[in-house]
Protein backbone atom coordinates (compact mmCIF):
# COMPACT_ATOMS: atom_id res chain seq x y z
CA MET A 1 -20.24 2.69 -12.46
CA THR A 2 -19.68 4.38 -9.11
CA SER A 3 -17.32 2.54 -6.80
CA ARG A 4 -17.35 2.70 -3.02
CA VAL A 5 -14.07 2.10 -1.24
CA MET A 6 -13.56 2.37 2.52
CA LEU A 7 -10.00 2.66 3.83
CA ILE A 8 -9.68 1.68 7.49
CA SER A 9 -6.55 2.49 9.49
CA PRO A 10 -5.23 -0.24 11.81
CA ALA A 11 -5.53 -0.40 15.58
CA VAL A 12 -2.66 0.64 17.83
CA SER A 13 0.55 -1.39 17.87
CA ALA A 14 3.70 -1.02 19.94
CA ALA A 15 5.33 1.00 17.12
CA LEU A 16 2.49 3.52 17.07
CA ARG A 17 2.24 3.68 20.85
CA GLU A 18 6.01 4.30 21.12
CA ALA A 19 6.01 6.85 18.25
CA ARG A 20 8.50 4.98 16.10
CA PHE A 21 8.63 3.90 12.49
CA ASP A 22 6.80 0.61 12.07
CA ASP A 23 9.01 -2.46 12.05
CA GLY A 24 6.32 -4.92 11.03
CA CYS A 25 5.31 -5.62 14.62
CA SER A 26 1.93 -7.11 15.30
CA LEU A 27 -0.86 -5.47 17.26
CA ASP A 28 -0.48 -5.41 21.00
CA ALA A 29 -3.26 -6.86 23.19
CA ALA A 30 -5.10 -3.53 23.49
CA GLY A 31 -4.95 -2.96 19.73
CA LEU A 32 -6.29 -6.45 19.03
CA ARG A 33 -9.15 -5.90 21.52
CA ARG A 34 -10.09 -2.65 19.76
CA ALA A 35 -9.96 -4.34 16.35
CA ARG A 36 -12.29 -7.05 17.64
CA SER A 37 -14.66 -4.43 19.08
CA ALA A 38 -14.93 -2.92 15.57
CA ALA A 39 -16.12 -6.27 14.17
CA GLY A 40 -19.56 -5.89 12.70
CA THR A 41 -19.46 -2.07 12.68
CA GLN A 42 -18.45 -1.80 9.04
CA PRO A 43 -20.94 -2.27 6.23
CA ALA A 44 -20.98 -5.45 4.18
CA ALA A 45 -18.32 -5.53 1.49
CA GLY A 46 -18.01 -7.33 -1.81
CA GLN A 47 -14.24 -7.53 -1.38
CA VAL A 48 -11.82 -6.91 1.51
CA PHE A 49 -8.14 -6.11 1.05
CA ALA A 50 -5.35 -5.27 3.47
CA SER A 51 -1.85 -3.91 3.28
CA PRO A 52 0.43 -6.97 3.17
CA SER A 53 1.97 -6.41 6.62
CA VAL A 54 1.08 -8.44 9.72
CA ARG A 55 -0.12 -5.33 11.52
CA ARG A 56 -2.83 -4.81 8.87
CA ARG A 57 -3.84 -8.41 8.27
CA LYS A 58 -4.27 -9.17 11.97
CA PRO A 59 -6.70 -6.31 12.70
CA ALA A 60 -8.65 -7.20 9.57
CA ALA A 61 -8.93 -10.78 10.84
CA GLY A 62 -9.66 -9.53 14.38
CA ALA A 63 -12.53 -7.44 13.01
CA GLY A 64 -13.92 -10.50 11.25
CA LEU A 65 -12.68 -9.55 7.77
CA ASP A 66 -11.10 -12.09 5.45
CA ALA A 67 -8.66 -9.78 3.65
CA VAL A 68 -6.63 -10.33 0.48
CA PRO A 69 -3.15 -8.68 0.56
CA LEU A 70 -2.90 -5.58 -1.65
CA PRO A 71 0.79 -4.58 -2.02
CA GLU A 72 -0.06 -1.22 -3.63
CA MET A 73 -1.50 -0.11 -0.31
CA ALA A 74 1.53 -0.98 1.84
CA GLY A 75 2.77 1.61 4.32
CA TRP A 76 5.63 4.06 3.84
CA GLU A 77 8.66 3.74 6.08
CA TRP A 78 12.12 5.05 6.65
CA ALA A 79 14.50 2.25 5.58
CA GLY A 80 15.25 -0.09 8.45
CA GLY A 81 12.02 0.59 10.36
CA GLY A 82 11.64 0.37 14.11
CA ALA A 83 13.57 3.54 15.00
CA ALA A 84 11.99 6.53 16.71
CA PRO A 85 11.75 9.57 14.40
CA GLY A 86 13.71 11.61 16.95
CA ARG A 87 16.52 9.08 16.86
CA VAL A 88 16.61 9.09 13.05
CA THR A 89 16.58 12.92 13.08
CA ALA A 90 19.51 12.99 15.52
CA ALA A 91 21.51 10.56 13.38
CA GLU A 92 20.61 12.02 9.97
CA PRO A 93 19.29 15.59 10.46
CA ASP A 94 19.93 16.78 6.90
CA ALA A 95 18.36 13.68 5.36
CA VAL A 96 15.23 13.98 7.49
CA ALA A 97 14.93 17.72 6.77
CA ALA A 98 15.17 17.02 3.03
CA TRP A 99 12.62 14.19 3.30
CA LEU A 100 10.12 16.45 5.07
CA ALA A 101 10.65 19.44 2.77
CA ASP A 102 10.95 17.86 -0.67
CA PRO A 103 8.20 15.44 -1.74
CA GLY A 104 10.48 14.02 -4.42
CA CYS A 105 13.31 13.22 -1.99
CA ALA A 106 14.01 9.71 -0.62
CA PRO A 107 17.32 9.92 1.29
CA HIS A 108 16.44 6.81 3.30
CA GLY A 109 16.66 4.59 0.25
CA GLY A 110 12.95 3.94 0.03
CA GLU A 111 10.32 5.74 -1.98
CA SER A 112 9.64 9.46 -2.01
CA LEU A 113 6.37 11.01 -0.85
CA LEU A 114 5.41 11.54 -4.50
CA GLU A 115 6.04 7.85 -5.21
CA LEU A 116 3.97 6.84 -2.16
CA CYS A 117 1.05 9.03 -3.28
CA ASP A 118 1.25 7.65 -6.82
CA ARG A 119 1.41 4.05 -5.57
CA VAL A 120 -1.54 4.25 -3.16
CA GLY A 121 -3.53 6.35 -5.63
CA GLY A 122 -2.94 3.58 -8.16
CA GLY A 123 -4.04 1.03 -5.56
CA LEU A 124 -7.25 2.98 -4.97
CA ASP A 125 -7.87 3.13 -8.72
CA ALA A 126 -7.10 -0.60 -9.05
CA VAL A 127 -9.91 -1.63 -6.68
CA ALA A 128 -12.39 0.73 -8.36
CA GLY A 129 -13.59 -2.02 -10.67
CA GLU A 130 -14.52 -4.39 -7.83
CA ALA A 131 -18.23 -5.14 -7.47
CA GLY A 132 -19.99 -3.72 -4.43
CA ARG A 133 -18.34 -1.94 -1.53
CA VAL A 134 -14.62 -2.52 -1.03
CA ILE A 135 -12.90 -2.33 2.36
CA VAL A 136 -9.11 -1.94 2.58
CA VAL A 137 -7.25 -2.03 5.93
CA VAL A 138 -4.18 0.18 5.45
CA GLU A 139 -1.60 2.29 7.24
CA PRO A 140 -2.60 5.87 8.10
CA ASP A 141 0.03 7.14 5.65
CA ALA A 142 -1.64 5.18 2.83
CA VAL A 143 -4.95 6.85 3.76
CA CYS A 144 -3.21 10.27 3.66
CA GLY A 145 -1.67 9.55 0.27
CA ALA A 146 -4.96 8.32 -1.19
CA ALA A 147 -6.84 11.30 0.27
CA GLY A 148 -4.37 13.73 -1.26
CA ARG A 149 -4.67 12.05 -4.64
CA ALA A 150 -8.48 11.99 -4.47
CA LEU A 151 -8.65 15.68 -3.58
CA GLY A 152 -6.05 16.68 -6.16
CA VAL A 153 -3.93 18.57 -3.63
CA THR A 154 -0.15 18.83 -3.53
CA ALA A 155 1.87 16.06 -1.91
CA GLN A 156 2.77 18.47 0.93
CA ALA A 157 -0.87 18.26 2.12
CA PHE A 158 0.02 14.71 3.22
CA TRP A 159 1.70 16.15 6.34
CA ARG A 160 -1.51 17.94 7.35
CA ILE A 161 -3.85 14.93 7.37
CA ASP A 162 -4.36 13.09 10.66
CA VAL A 163 -5.78 9.56 10.61
CA PRO A 164 -6.44 8.08 14.08
CA PRO A 165 -6.40 4.30 14.69
CA LEU A 166 -9.42 2.36 13.41
CA THR A 167 -10.76 5.31 11.41
CA ALA A 168 -12.73 4.70 8.22
CA VAL A 169 -12.38 7.10 5.30
CA LYS A 170 -14.83 6.59 2.45
CA PHE A 171 -14.10 7.17 -1.23
CA SER A 172 -16.77 7.11 -3.91
CA GLY A 173 -16.47 7.61 -7.63
CA ARG A 174 -14.31 5.86 -10.17
CA ALA A 175 -10.66 5.50 -11.07
CA GLY A 176 -9.10 8.94 -11.40
CA ARG A 177 -12.12 10.80 -10.06
CA TRP A 178 -12.91 10.33 -6.39
CA SER A 179 -14.93 12.10 -3.72
CA LEU A 180 -13.86 11.69 -0.12
CA ARG A 181 -15.93 11.47 3.04
CA ALA A 182 -13.88 11.88 6.21
CA GLY A 183 -14.52 9.10 8.66
CA ARG A 184 -14.75 8.50 12.31
CA PRO A 185 -13.21 5.83 14.48
CA ARG A 186 -14.76 2.36 14.27
CA GLY A 187 -15.80 0.41 17.32
CA ASP A 188 -14.72 1.92 20.62
CA ALA A 189 -11.68 3.80 19.22
CA GLU A 190 -11.57 7.50 19.97
């Protein structure tokens, strides 16, 4: 059975707009408007999931999707969240350099890039058995991790994938063997 899974990145929040690690903040007014404008632009789905954070559940609801939390597709953060990457780099330059260079390194106390890719790849495989099309609203980093796993590229390719807000990326296939179709922004997102 061929599965169809669409990963949709969330609309803009204050954390994204201010270029800082997410701290669980909700969408700002502009992000919520954009999520609402995307309502009805996605195809019908048999099941809708979302990363368990507020920032993912709210845009799913704003777009008219009743999403079930899917912890395997949670975002990847530097421990503590909310800090600007430049600030973290200034405070912990060696740790950040190691984190960026070594996909197995997790100096921030969280998971490594390899662990993120394994987790979200497992989440993608887990929803493969769902009937009909599946939509999952996730962080851009979860999309990057799933894309890397689907394409069978090294974890370092993660840093070369750009996922704009409200972009849909489609996966088709079955657990362990996916094809990827790069998406485009939903609604009025650019």
